[in-house]
Amino acid sequence: MSHNFSDDFRIKEDSKFRIKDHPTTYEGKLKKAEGKELLKQEKEKLSELQEKLYADGSQSLLIVLQAMDAAGKDSLIEHVFGGVNPQGCEVTSFKGPSTKEYSHDFIWRHYLALPAKGKIGIFNRSHYESVLVCKVHPEYNLSEKVWTDVKQLDDQFWENRYESIRNFEKHLSNNGTKIVKIFLNVSREEQKQRFLDRINEEDKNWKFSSADIKERGYWEDYQKAYEEAIRQTSTEAAPWFVIPADQKWFSRAAAIQVIIDALEAMNLEFPEVSAEERNALLESKIQLERES
């Protein structure tokens, strides 16, 4: 492939990451028609690699998708993974924690949704919500009942959260789970237009909530939270990829290449058939062909 989006959008470990240094709009040489054709071709490759992952059975792939509202997470999942065997791929969309989930540590519910070996797991929002929405609205953390006042949620509290996330992801990586984390970087202007589209088009009304406008008012707070989270947790074992998201056709093309590159780096193999098994296959073939 002439484009290397994995290298272009990967955030290196220990980088001085700033969101404002990363574009929301793609201005490269790839044209929209070419991007759509590329996506079509790469979906076939993704399907083949997913089959090999399943057959190999020694590793799993976890894809974490994070973004501001209306950045295109849902449609990216639909368009990128539309050709993948649903038996080998599972999407988990995390909402606010339940009472039961609050009775455990903040990572517990994410452990339960991890992909088994041979499978792809997609987290639509993830354990990162605990250092994103919960950092913008620190009072949410009080539902864990460990803390009784937001004044207790000091710098050390957040450092501990980032450390927990790094340790969680390192543990997964050490035990056969490849992790790819994608932040869809949408502009405030594009978010506004997409919100207006959801309001103006009746078949999109269900996607819009007045709560979206309330959260939009915290735009700068969210940008700071994302910036710090990505800076603190983009590691060799679990890198972040910050992809421009103002053009959905491009974010899909870039994301699928990042995912394919990750799968190819896993050095997956179909199980080797032994000589004994090959003889058994030949015998079965002979028996089948003898049937009238």
C-alpha atoms as a PDB file:
ATOM      1  CA  MET A   1       0.000   0.000   0.000  1.00  0.00           C
ATOM      2  CA  SER A   2       1.374   3.413  -0.931  1.00  0.00           C
ATOM      3  CA  HIS A   3      -0.041   5.033   2.227  1.00  0.00           C
ATOM      4  CA  ASN A   4       1.287   4.188   5.673  1.00  0.00           C
ATOM      5  CA  PHE A   5      -1.381   5.491   7.990  1.00  0.00           C
ATOM      6  CA  SER A   6      -0.116   3.406  10.914  1.00  0.00           C
ATOM      7  CA  ASP A   7       3.136   5.367  10.982  1.00  0.00           C
ATOM      8  CA  ASP A   8       1.424   8.661  10.150  1.00  0.00           C
ATOM      9  CA  PHE A   9      -1.030   8.600  13.045  1.00  0.00           C
ATOM     10  CA  ARG A  10       0.688   6.552  15.748  1.00  0.00           C
ATOM     11  CA  ILE A  11       1.482   8.461  18.950  1.00  0.00           C
ATOM     12  CA  LYS A  12       4.904   7.498  20.191  1.00  0.00           C
ATOM     13  CA  GLU A  13       5.539   6.603  23.804  1.00  0.00           C
ATOM     14  CA  ASP A  14       6.724   9.512  25.988  1.00  0.00           C
ATOM     15  CA  SER A  15       5.711  12.024  23.324  1.00  0.00           C
ATOM     16  CA  LYS A  16       4.690  15.563  24.216  1.00  0.00           C
ATOM     17  CA  PHE A  17       1.321  14.935  22.613  1.00  0.00           C
ATOM     18  CA  ARG A  18      -0.958  17.914  21.971  1.00  0.00           C
ATOM     19  CA  ILE A  19      -4.286  17.491  20.195  1.00  0.00           C
ATOM     20  CA  LYS A  20      -3.975  20.845  18.451  1.00  0.00           C
ATOM     21  CA  ASP A  21      -0.856  19.549  16.654  1.00  0.00           C
ATOM     22  CA  HIS A  22      -2.936  16.824  14.978  1.00  0.00           C
ATOM     23  CA  PRO A  23      -5.334  17.703  12.139  1.00  0.00           C
ATOM     24  CA  THR A  24      -9.021  16.855  12.113  1.00  0.00           C
ATOM     25  CA  THR A  25      -9.107  17.086   8.297  1.00  0.00           C
ATOM     26  CA  TYR A  26      -7.128  14.926   5.873  1.00  0.00           C
ATOM     27  CA  GLU A  27      -5.339  16.972   3.234  1.00  0.00           C
ATOM     28  CA  GLY A  28      -3.150  14.291   1.624  1.00  0.00           C
ATOM     29  CA  LYS A  29      -3.103  12.885  -1.893  1.00  0.00           C
ATOM     30  CA  LEU A  30      -5.696  10.152  -1.402  1.00  0.00           C
ATOM     31  CA  LYS A  31      -8.977  11.105  -3.081  1.00  0.00           C
ATOM     32  CA  LYS A  32     -12.435  10.211  -1.798  1.00  0.00           C
ATOM     33  CA  ALA A  33     -13.169   7.742  -4.611  1.00  0.00           C
ATOM     34  CA  GLU A  34      -9.778   6.105  -4.083  1.00  0.00           C
ATOM     35  CA  GLY A  35     -10.389   5.926  -0.347  1.00  0.00           C
ATOM     36  CA  LYS A  36     -13.714   4.164  -0.821  1.00  0.00           C
ATOM     37  CA  GLU A  37     -12.150   1.675  -3.228  1.00  0.00           C
ATOM     38  CA  LEU A  38      -9.283   1.127  -0.811  1.00  0.00           C
ATOM     39  CA  LEU A  39     -11.752   0.383   1.987  1.00  0.00           C
ATOM     40  CA  LYS A  40     -13.547  -2.148  -0.211  1.00  0.00           C
ATOM     41  CA  GLN A  41     -10.299  -3.953  -1.028  1.00  0.00           C
ATOM     42  CA  GLU A  42      -8.995  -3.874   2.513  1.00  0.00           C
ATOM     43  CA  LYS A  43     -12.247  -5.308   3.900  1.00  0.00           C
ATOM     44  CA  GLU A  44     -11.507  -8.482   1.942  1.00  0.00           C
ATOM     45  CA  LYS A  45      -8.017  -8.629   3.442  1.00  0.00           C
ATOM     46  CA  LEU A  46      -9.409  -7.987   6.933  1.00  0.00           C
ATOM     47  CA  SER A  47     -11.845 -10.868   6.498  1.00  0.00           C
ATOM     48  CA  GLU A  48      -8.992 -13.188   5.501  1.00  0.00           C
ATOM     49  CA  LEU A  49      -6.866 -12.128   8.446  1.00  0.00           C
ATOM     50  CA  GLN A  50      -9.774 -12.554  10.849  1.00  0.00           C
ATOM     51  CA  GLU A  51     -10.189 -16.127   9.601  1.00  0.00           C
ATOM     52  CA  LYS A  52      -6.472 -16.752  10.154  1.00  0.00           C
ATOM     53  CA  LEU A  53      -6.693 -15.237  13.653  1.00  0.00           C
ATOM     54  CA  TYR A  54      -9.560 -17.593  14.453  1.00  0.00           C
ATOM     55  CA  ALA A  55      -7.779 -20.622  13.032  1.00  0.00           C
ATOM     56  CA  ASP A  56      -4.491 -19.783  14.743  1.00  0.00           C
ATOM     57  CA  GLY A  57      -6.258 -19.462  18.097  1.00  0.00           C
ATOM     58  CA  SER A  58      -3.232 -18.277  20.069  1.00  0.00           C
ATOM     59  CA  GLN A  59      -3.906 -14.528  20.191  1.00  0.00           C
ATOM     60  CA  SER A  60      -6.718 -11.984  20.216  1.00  0.00           C
ATOM     61  CA  LEU A  61      -7.127  -8.413  18.999  1.00  0.00           C
ATOM     62  CA  LEU A  62      -8.688  -5.648  21.084  1.00  0.00           C
ATOM     63  CA  ILE A  63      -9.659  -2.433  19.303  1.00  0.00           C
ATOM     64  CA  VAL A  64     -10.483   0.548  21.496  1.00  0.00           C
ATOM     65  CA  LEU A  65     -12.466   3.355  19.858  1.00  0.00           C
ATOM     66  CA  GLN A  66     -12.748   6.719  21.582  1.00  0.00           C
ATOM     67  CA  ALA A  67     -13.973  10.062  20.306  1.00  0.00           C
ATOM     68  CA  MET A  68     -16.125  13.083  20.962  1.00  0.00           C
ATOM     69  CA  ASP A  69     -19.836  12.667  20.207  1.00  0.00           C
ATOM     70  CA  ALA A  70     -20.702  12.382  16.485  1.00  0.00           C
ATOM     71  CA  ALA A  71     -17.111  11.631  15.468  1.00  0.00           C
ATOM     72  CA  GLY A  72     -18.231   8.499  13.609  1.00  0.00           C
ATOM     73  CA  LYS A  73     -17.412   5.537  15.858  1.00  0.00           C
ATOM     74  CA  ASP A  74     -20.623   3.620  15.096  1.00  0.00           C
ATOM     75  CA  SER A  75     -20.437   4.107  11.341  1.00  0.00           C
ATOM     76  CA  LEU A  76     -16.744   3.202  11.323  1.00  0.00           C
ATOM     77  CA  ILE A  77     -17.542  -0.112  12.995  1.00  0.00           C
ATOM     78  CA  GLU A  78     -20.303  -0.749  10.464  1.00  0.00           C
ATOM     79  CA  HIS A  79     -18.220   0.077   7.385  1.00  0.00           C
ATOM     80  CA  VAL A  80     -14.905  -1.451   8.460  1.00  0.00           C
ATOM     81  CA  PHE A  81     -16.175  -4.669  10.022  1.00  0.00           C
ATOM     82  CA  GLY A  82     -19.192  -5.257   7.792  1.00  0.00           C
ATOM     83  CA  GLY A  83     -17.492  -8.161   6.015  1.00  0.00           C
ATOM     84  CA  VAL A  84     -16.051  -9.913   9.059  1.00  0.00           C
ATOM     85  CA  ASN A  85     -17.508 -13.213  10.280  1.00  0.00           C
ATOM     86  CA  PRO A  86     -19.705 -12.199  13.254  1.00  0.00           C
ATOM     87  CA  GLN A  87     -18.756 -15.422  15.068  1.00  0.00           C
ATOM     88  CA  GLY A  88     -15.206 -14.118  15.405  1.00  0.00           C
ATOM     89  CA  CYS A  89     -15.916 -10.505  16.278  1.00  0.00           C
ATOM     90  CA  GLU A  90     -17.811  -8.856  19.128  1.00  0.00           C
ATOM     91  CA  VAL A  91     -18.631  -5.178  19.723  1.00  0.00           C
ATOM     92  CA  THR A  92     -19.201  -3.890  23.256  1.00  0.00           C
ATOM     93  CA  SER A  93     -20.635  -0.408  23.716  1.00  0.00           C
ATOM     94  CA  PHE A  94     -20.049   0.849  27.237  1.00  0.00           C
ATOM     95  CA  LYS A  95     -22.653   3.107  28.802  1.00  0.00           C
ATOM     96  CA  GLY A  96     -22.653   4.490  32.344  1.00  0.00           C
ATOM     97  CA  PRO A  97     -21.791   1.775  34.907  1.00  0.00           C
ATOM     98  CA  SER A  98     -24.580  -0.130  36.628  1.00  0.00           C
ATOM     99  CA  THR A  99     -24.899  -0.470  40.400  1.00  0.00           C
ATOM    100  CA  LYS A 100     -23.256  -3.884  40.178  1.00  0.00           C
ATOM    101  CA  GLU A 101     -20.401  -2.538  38.090  1.00  0.00           C
ATOM    102  CA  TYR A 102     -19.847   0.321  40.530  1.00  0.00           C
ATOM    103  CA  SER A 103     -19.429  -2.276  43.272  1.00  0.00           C
ATOM    104  CA  HIS A 104     -16.197  -3.414  41.583  1.00  0.00           C
ATOM    105  CA  ASP A 105     -13.077  -1.557  40.476  1.00  0.00           C
ATOM    106  CA  PHE A 106     -13.360   0.609  37.355  1.00  0.00           C
ATOM    107  CA  ILE A 107     -11.703  -1.930  35.042  1.00  0.00           C
ATOM    108  CA  TRP A 108     -13.708  -4.975  36.157  1.00  0.00           C
ATOM    109  CA  ARG A 109     -16.534  -4.711  33.629  1.00  0.00           C
ATOM    110  CA  HIS A 110     -14.039  -4.325  30.786  1.00  0.00           C
ATOM    111  CA  TYR A 111     -12.303  -7.561  31.736  1.00  0.00           C
ATOM    112  CA  LEU A 112     -15.614  -9.351  31.246  1.00  0.00           C
ATOM    113  CA  ALA A 113     -15.868  -8.083  27.658  1.00  0.00           C
ATOM    114  CA  LEU A 114     -12.345  -8.965  26.518  1.00  0.00           C
ATOM    115  CA  PRO A 115     -12.063 -11.085  23.346  1.00  0.00           C
ATOM    116  CA  ALA A 116     -11.162 -14.734  23.699  1.00  0.00           C
ATOM    117  CA  LYS A 117      -8.131 -16.060  21.847  1.00  0.00           C
ATOM    118  CA  GLY A 118      -8.851 -16.229  18.133  1.00  0.00           C
ATOM    119  CA  LYS A 119     -11.322 -13.344  18.221  1.00  0.00           C
ATOM    120  CA  ILE A 120     -11.547  -9.603  17.655  1.00  0.00           C
ATOM    121  CA  GLY A 121     -13.093  -7.440  20.362  1.00  0.00           C
ATOM    122  CA  ILE A 122     -14.179  -3.858  19.700  1.00  0.00           C
ATOM    123  CA  PHE A 123     -14.750  -1.484  22.602  1.00  0.00           C
ATOM    124  CA  ASN A 124     -17.024   1.389  21.561  1.00  0.00           C
ATOM    125  CA  ARG A 125     -15.942   3.616  24.437  1.00  0.00           C
ATOM    126  CA  SER A 126     -13.937   1.770  27.039  1.00  0.00           C
ATOM    127  CA  HIS A 127     -12.034   1.805  30.325  1.00  0.00           C
ATOM    128  CA  TYR A 128     -10.835   5.250  29.211  1.00  0.00           C
ATOM    129  CA  GLU A 129     -14.169   6.780  30.170  1.00  0.00           C
ATOM    130  CA  SER A 130     -12.846   6.717  33.740  1.00  0.00           C
ATOM    131  CA  VAL A 131     -10.197   9.291  32.809  1.00  0.00           C
ATOM    132  CA  LEU A 132     -12.344  11.178  30.299  1.00  0.00           C
ATOM    133  CA  VAL A 133     -15.991  11.775  31.226  1.00  0.00           C
ATOM    134  CA  CYS A 134     -15.129  11.059  34.875  1.00  0.00           C
ATOM    135  CA  LYS A 135     -12.374  13.651  34.758  1.00  0.00           C
ATOM    136  CA  VAL A 136     -14.655  16.269  33.224  1.00  0.00           C
ATOM    137  CA  HIS A 137     -17.349  15.300  35.774  1.00  0.00           C
ATOM    138  CA  PRO A 138     -15.303  14.112  38.786  1.00  0.00           C
ATOM    139  CA  GLU A 139     -18.417  13.715  40.918  1.00  0.00           C
ATOM    140  CA  TYR A 140     -19.187  10.526  38.957  1.00  0.00           C
ATOM    141  CA  ASN A 141     -16.266   8.836  40.714  1.00  0.00           C
ATOM    142  CA  LEU A 142     -18.032   9.154  44.055  1.00  0.00           C
ATOM    143  CA  SER A 143     -20.417   6.394  42.961  1.00  0.00           C
ATOM    144  CA  GLU A 144     -17.527   3.967  43.517  1.00  0.00           C
ATOM    145  CA  LYS A 145     -17.945   4.748  47.260  1.00  0.00           C
ATOM    146  CA  VAL A 146     -14.193   4.719  47.891  1.00  0.00           C
ATOM    147  CA  TRP A 147     -14.139   8.526  47.926  1.00  0.00           C
ATOM    148  CA  THR A 148     -16.639  10.847  49.564  1.00  0.00           C
ATOM    149  CA  ASP A 149     -15.598  14.254  48.209  1.00  0.00           C
ATOM    150  CA  VAL A 150     -14.270  15.416  44.844  1.00  0.00           C
ATOM    151  CA  LYS A 151     -11.521  17.241  46.736  1.00  0.00           C
ATOM    152  CA  GLN A 152      -9.983  13.810  47.321  1.00  0.00           C
ATOM    153  CA  LEU A 153      -9.574  13.354  43.554  1.00  0.00           C
ATOM    154  CA  ASP A 154      -6.206  15.076  43.356  1.00  0.00           C
ATOM    155  CA  ASP A 155      -3.331  14.730  40.883  1.00  0.00           C
ATOM    156  CA  GLN A 156      -2.223  11.492  42.536  1.00  0.00           C
ATOM    157  CA  PHE A 157      -5.670   9.998  42.047  1.00  0.00           C
ATOM    158  CA  TRP A 158      -5.451  10.557  38.291  1.00  0.00           C
ATOM    159  CA  GLU A 159      -1.858   9.327  38.143  1.00  0.00           C
ATOM    160  CA  ASN A 160      -3.046   6.118  39.799  1.00  0.00           C
ATOM    161  CA  ARG A 161      -5.800   5.760  37.190  1.00  0.00           C
ATOM    162  CA  TYR A 162      -3.364   6.114  34.295  1.00  0.00           C
ATOM    163  CA  GLU A 163      -1.022   3.645  35.961  1.00  0.00           C
ATOM    164  CA  SER A 164      -3.862   1.140  36.389  1.00  0.00           C
ATOM    165  CA  ILE A 165      -4.741   1.454  32.706  1.00  0.00           C
ATOM    166  CA  ARG A 166      -1.127   1.002  31.606  1.00  0.00           C
ATOM    167  CA  ASN A 167      -0.749  -2.052  33.828  1.00  0.00           C
ATOM    168  CA  PHE A 168      -4.043  -3.525  32.597  1.00  0.00           C
ATOM    169  CA  GLU A 169      -3.014  -3.134  28.962  1.00  0.00           C
ATOM    170  CA  LYS A 170       0.511  -4.414  29.559  1.00  0.00           C
ATOM    171  CA  HIS A 171      -0.924  -7.500  31.228  1.00  0.00           C
ATOM    172  CA  LEU A 172      -3.204  -8.137  28.257  1.00  0.00           C
ATOM    173  CA  SER A 173      -0.326  -7.657  25.819  1.00  0.00           C
ATOM    174  CA  ASN A 174       1.882 -10.056  27.779  1.00  0.00           C
ATOM    175  CA  ASN A 175      -0.839 -12.683  27.577  1.00  0.00           C
ATOM    176  CA  GLY A 176      -1.631 -12.712  23.880  1.00  0.00           C
ATOM    177  CA  THR A 177      -3.928  -9.744  23.278  1.00  0.00           C
ATOM    178  CA  LYS A 178      -2.845  -7.218  20.668  1.00  0.00           C
ATOM    179  CA  ILE A 179      -4.218  -3.761  21.477  1.00  0.00           C
ATOM    180  CA  VAL A 180      -4.995  -0.983  18.998  1.00  0.00           C
ATOM    181  CA  LYS A 181      -6.445   2.254  20.360  1.00  0.00           C
ATOM    182  CA  ILE A 182      -7.993   4.727  17.921  1.00  0.00           C
ATOM    183  CA  PHE A 183      -9.022   8.291  18.718  1.00  0.00           C
ATOM    184  CA  LEU A 184     -11.203   9.808  15.997  1.00  0.00           C
ATOM    185  CA  ASN A 185     -10.184  13.450  16.014  1.00  0.00           C
ATOM    186  CA  VAL A 186     -13.212  15.484  14.940  1.00  0.00           C
ATOM    187  CA  SER A 187     -13.377  19.287  14.922  1.00  0.00           C
ATOM    188  CA  ARG A 188     -15.876  21.328  16.916  1.00  0.00           C
ATOM    189  CA  GLU A 189     -17.236  22.740  13.639  1.00  0.00           C
ATOM    190  CA  GLU A 190     -17.815  19.303  12.129  1.00  0.00           C
ATOM    191  CA  GLN A 191     -19.490  18.072  15.304  1.00  0.00           C
ATOM    192  CA  LYS A 192     -21.879  21.034  15.098  1.00  0.00           C
ATOM    193  CA  GLN A 193     -22.785  20.158  11.499  1.00  0.00           C
ATOM    194  CA  ARG A 194     -23.382  16.513  12.329  1.00  0.00           C
ATOM    195  CA  PHE A 195     -25.598  17.472  15.259  1.00  0.00           C
ATOM    196  CA  LEU A 196     -27.601  19.744  12.943  1.00  0.00           C
ATOM    197  CA  ASP A 197     -27.912  16.894  10.430  1.00  0.00           C
ATOM    198  CA  ARG A 198     -29.306  14.662  13.170  1.00  0.00           C
ATOM    199  CA  ILE A 199     -31.875  17.303  14.050  1.00  0.00           C
ATOM    200  CA  ASN A 200     -32.835  18.202  10.466  1.00  0.00           C
ATOM    201  CA  GLU A 201     -33.114  14.656   9.094  1.00  0.00           C
ATOM    202  CA  GLU A 202     -36.000  12.736  10.655  1.00  0.00           C
ATOM    203  CA  ASP A 203     -34.392   9.335  10.204  1.00  0.00           C
ATOM    204  CA  LYS A 204     -31.438  10.583  12.268  1.00  0.00           C
ATOM    205  CA  ASN A 205     -33.450  12.185  15.085  1.00  0.00           C
ATOM    206  CA  TRP A 206     -33.043   9.107  17.264  1.00  0.00           C
ATOM    207  CA  LYS A 207     -29.263   9.649  17.310  1.00  0.00           C
ATOM    208  CA  PHE A 208     -29.583  13.068  18.944  1.00  0.00           C
ATOM    209  CA  SER A 209     -30.060  13.883  22.605  1.00  0.00           C
ATOM    210  CA  SER A 210     -30.263  17.247  24.311  1.00  0.00           C
ATOM    211  CA  ALA A 211     -27.558  15.896  26.614  1.00  0.00           C
ATOM    212  CA  ASP A 212     -25.207  16.060  23.616  1.00  0.00           C
ATOM    213  CA  ILE A 213     -25.485  19.847  23.635  1.00  0.00           C
ATOM    214  CA  LYS A 214     -24.764  19.974  27.357  1.00  0.00           C
ATOM    215  CA  GLU A 215     -21.609  17.902  26.924  1.00  0.00           C
ATOM    216  CA  ARG A 216     -20.559  20.013  23.941  1.00  0.00           C
ATOM    217  CA  GLY A 217     -20.281  22.893  26.395  1.00  0.00           C
ATOM    218  CA  TYR A 218     -17.367  21.018  27.991  1.00  0.00           C
ATOM    219  CA  TRP A 219     -15.468  20.747  24.693  1.00  0.00           C
ATOM    220  CA  GLU A 220     -12.199  22.239  25.954  1.00  0.00           C
ATOM    221  CA  ASP A 221     -12.312  20.153  29.135  1.00  0.00           C
ATOM    222  CA  TYR A 222     -12.725  16.998  27.076  1.00  0.00           C
ATOM    223  CA  GLN A 223      -9.884  17.996  24.764  1.00  0.00           C
ATOM    224  CA  LYS A 224      -7.588  18.394  27.773  1.00  0.00           C
ATOM    225  CA  ALA A 225      -8.736  15.066  29.215  1.00  0.00           C
ATOM    226  CA  TYR A 226      -8.122  13.238  25.931  1.00  0.00           C
ATOM    227  CA  GLU A 227      -4.761  14.919  25.530  1.00  0.00           C
ATOM    228  CA  GLU A 228      -3.560  13.826  28.957  1.00  0.00           C
ATOM    229  CA  ALA A 229      -4.980  10.302  28.633  1.00  0.00           C
ATOM    230  CA  ILE A 230      -3.298   9.721  25.275  1.00  0.00           C
ATOM    231  CA  ARG A 231      -0.021  11.215  26.469  1.00  0.00           C
ATOM    232  CA  GLN A 232      -0.035   9.033  29.593  1.00  0.00           C
ATOM    233  CA  THR A 233      -1.085   5.734  28.003  1.00  0.00           C
ATOM    234  CA  SER A 234       0.289   5.482  24.463  1.00  0.00           C
ATOM    235  CA  THR A 235       2.847   2.712  24.922  1.00  0.00           C
ATOM    236  CA  GLU A 236       4.703   0.202  22.774  1.00  0.00           C
ATOM    237  CA  ALA A 237       2.324  -2.507  23.982  1.00  0.00           C
ATOM    238  CA  ALA A 238      -0.840  -0.438  23.464  1.00  0.00           C
ATOM    239  CA  PRO A 239      -0.325   2.513  21.114  1.00  0.00           C
ATOM    240  CA  TRP A 240      -2.797   5.268  20.327  1.00  0.00           C
ATOM    241  CA  PHE A 241      -3.569   6.280  16.750  1.00  0.00           C
ATOM    242  CA  VAL A 242      -5.044   9.764  16.324  1.00  0.00           C
ATOM    243  CA  ILE A 243      -6.945   9.793  13.027  1.00  0.00           C
ATOM    244  CA  PRO A 244      -8.539  12.851  11.368  1.00  0.00           C
ATOM    245  CA  ALA A 245     -12.303  12.327  11.503  1.00  0.00           C
ATOM    246  CA  ASP A 246     -13.898  15.276   9.711  1.00  0.00           C
ATOM    247  CA  GLN A 247     -14.156  13.127   6.554  1.00  0.00           C
ATOM    248  CA  LYS A 248     -15.684   9.780   7.426  1.00  0.00           C
ATOM    249  CA  TRP A 249     -14.499   8.106   4.218  1.00  0.00           C
ATOM    250  CA  PHE A 250     -10.930   8.860   5.231  1.00  0.00           C
ATOM    251  CA  SER A 251     -11.138   7.839   8.879  1.00  0.00           C
ATOM    252  CA  ARG A 252     -12.524   4.465   7.781  1.00  0.00           C
ATOM    253  CA  ALA A 253      -9.755   3.913   5.218  1.00  0.00           C
ATOM    254  CA  ALA A 254      -7.063   4.901   7.708  1.00  0.00           C
ATOM    255  CA  ALA A 255      -8.521   2.822  10.545  1.00  0.00           C
ATOM    256  CA  ILE A 256      -8.778  -0.359   8.507  1.00  0.00           C
ATOM    257  CA  GLN A 257      -5.134  -0.087   7.494  1.00  0.00           C
ATOM    258  CA  VAL A 258      -4.065   0.403  11.114  1.00  0.00           C
ATOM    259  CA  ILE A 259      -6.069  -2.695  12.093  1.00  0.00           C
ATOM    260  CA  ILE A 260      -4.719  -4.782   9.220  1.00  0.00           C
ATOM    261  CA  ASP A 261      -1.153  -3.770  10.037  1.00  0.00           C
ATOM    262  CA  ALA A 262      -1.715  -4.885  13.638  1.00  0.00           C
ATOM    263  CA  LEU A 263      -3.065  -8.272  12.549  1.00  0.00           C
ATOM    264  CA  GLU A 264      -0.206  -8.808  10.116  1.00  0.00           C
ATOM    265  CA  ALA A 265       2.313  -8.013  12.859  1.00  0.00           C
ATOM    266  CA  MET A 266       0.873 -10.893  14.903  1.00  0.00           C
ATOM    267  CA  ASN A 267       2.467 -13.434  12.496  1.00  0.00           C
ATOM    268  CA  LEU A 268      -0.635 -15.589  12.425  1.00  0.00           C
ATOM    269  CA  GLU A 269      -0.540 -19.067  10.890  1.00  0.00           C
ATOM    270  CA  PHE A 270      -3.131 -21.614   9.864  1.00  0.00           C
ATOM    271  CA  PRO A 271      -2.691 -24.826  11.876  1.00  0.00           C
ATOM    272  CA  GLU A 272      -0.247 -27.223  10.231  1.00  0.00           C
ATOM    273  CA  VAL A 273      -1.750 -30.521   9.146  1.00  0.00           C
ATOM    274  CA  SER A 274       0.394 -33.506  10.101  1.00  0.00           C
ATOM    275  CA  ALA A 275       1.193 -36.401   7.748  1.00  0.00           C
ATOM    276  CA  GLU A 276      -1.170 -38.608   9.726  1.00  0.00           C
ATOM    277  CA  GLU A 277      -3.972 -36.075   9.405  1.00  0.00           C
ATOM    278  CA  ARG A 278      -3.311 -35.706   5.669  1.00  0.00           C
ATOM    279  CA  ASN A 279      -3.626 -39.464   5.246  1.00  0.00           C
ATOM    280  CA  ALA A 280      -6.900 -39.372   7.161  1.00  0.00           C
ATOM    281  CA  LEU A 281      -8.132 -36.596   4.844  1.00  0.00           C
ATOM    282  CA  LEU A 282      -7.222 -38.679   1.815  1.00  0.00           C
ATOM    283  CA  GLU A 283      -9.073 -41.698   3.211  1.00  0.00           C
ATOM    284  CA  SER A 284     -12.148 -39.539   3.873  1.00  0.00           C
ATOM    285  CA  LYS A 285     -11.992 -38.181   0.335  1.00  0.00           C
ATOM    286  CA  ILE A 286     -11.848 -41.704  -1.122  1.00  0.00           C
ATOM    287  CA  GLN A 287     -14.830 -42.815   0.962  1.00  0.00           C
ATOM    288  CA  LEU A 288     -16.885 -39.791  -0.068  1.00  0.00           C
ATOM    289  CA  GLU A 289     -16.101 -40.243  -3.744  1.00  0.00           C
ATOM    290  CA  ARG A 290     -17.143 -43.927  -3.564  1.00  0.00           C
ATOM    291  CA  GLU A 291     -20.618 -42.988  -2.366  1.00  0.00           C
ATOM    292  CA  SER A 292     -23.294 -43.479  -4.997  1.00  0.00           C
END
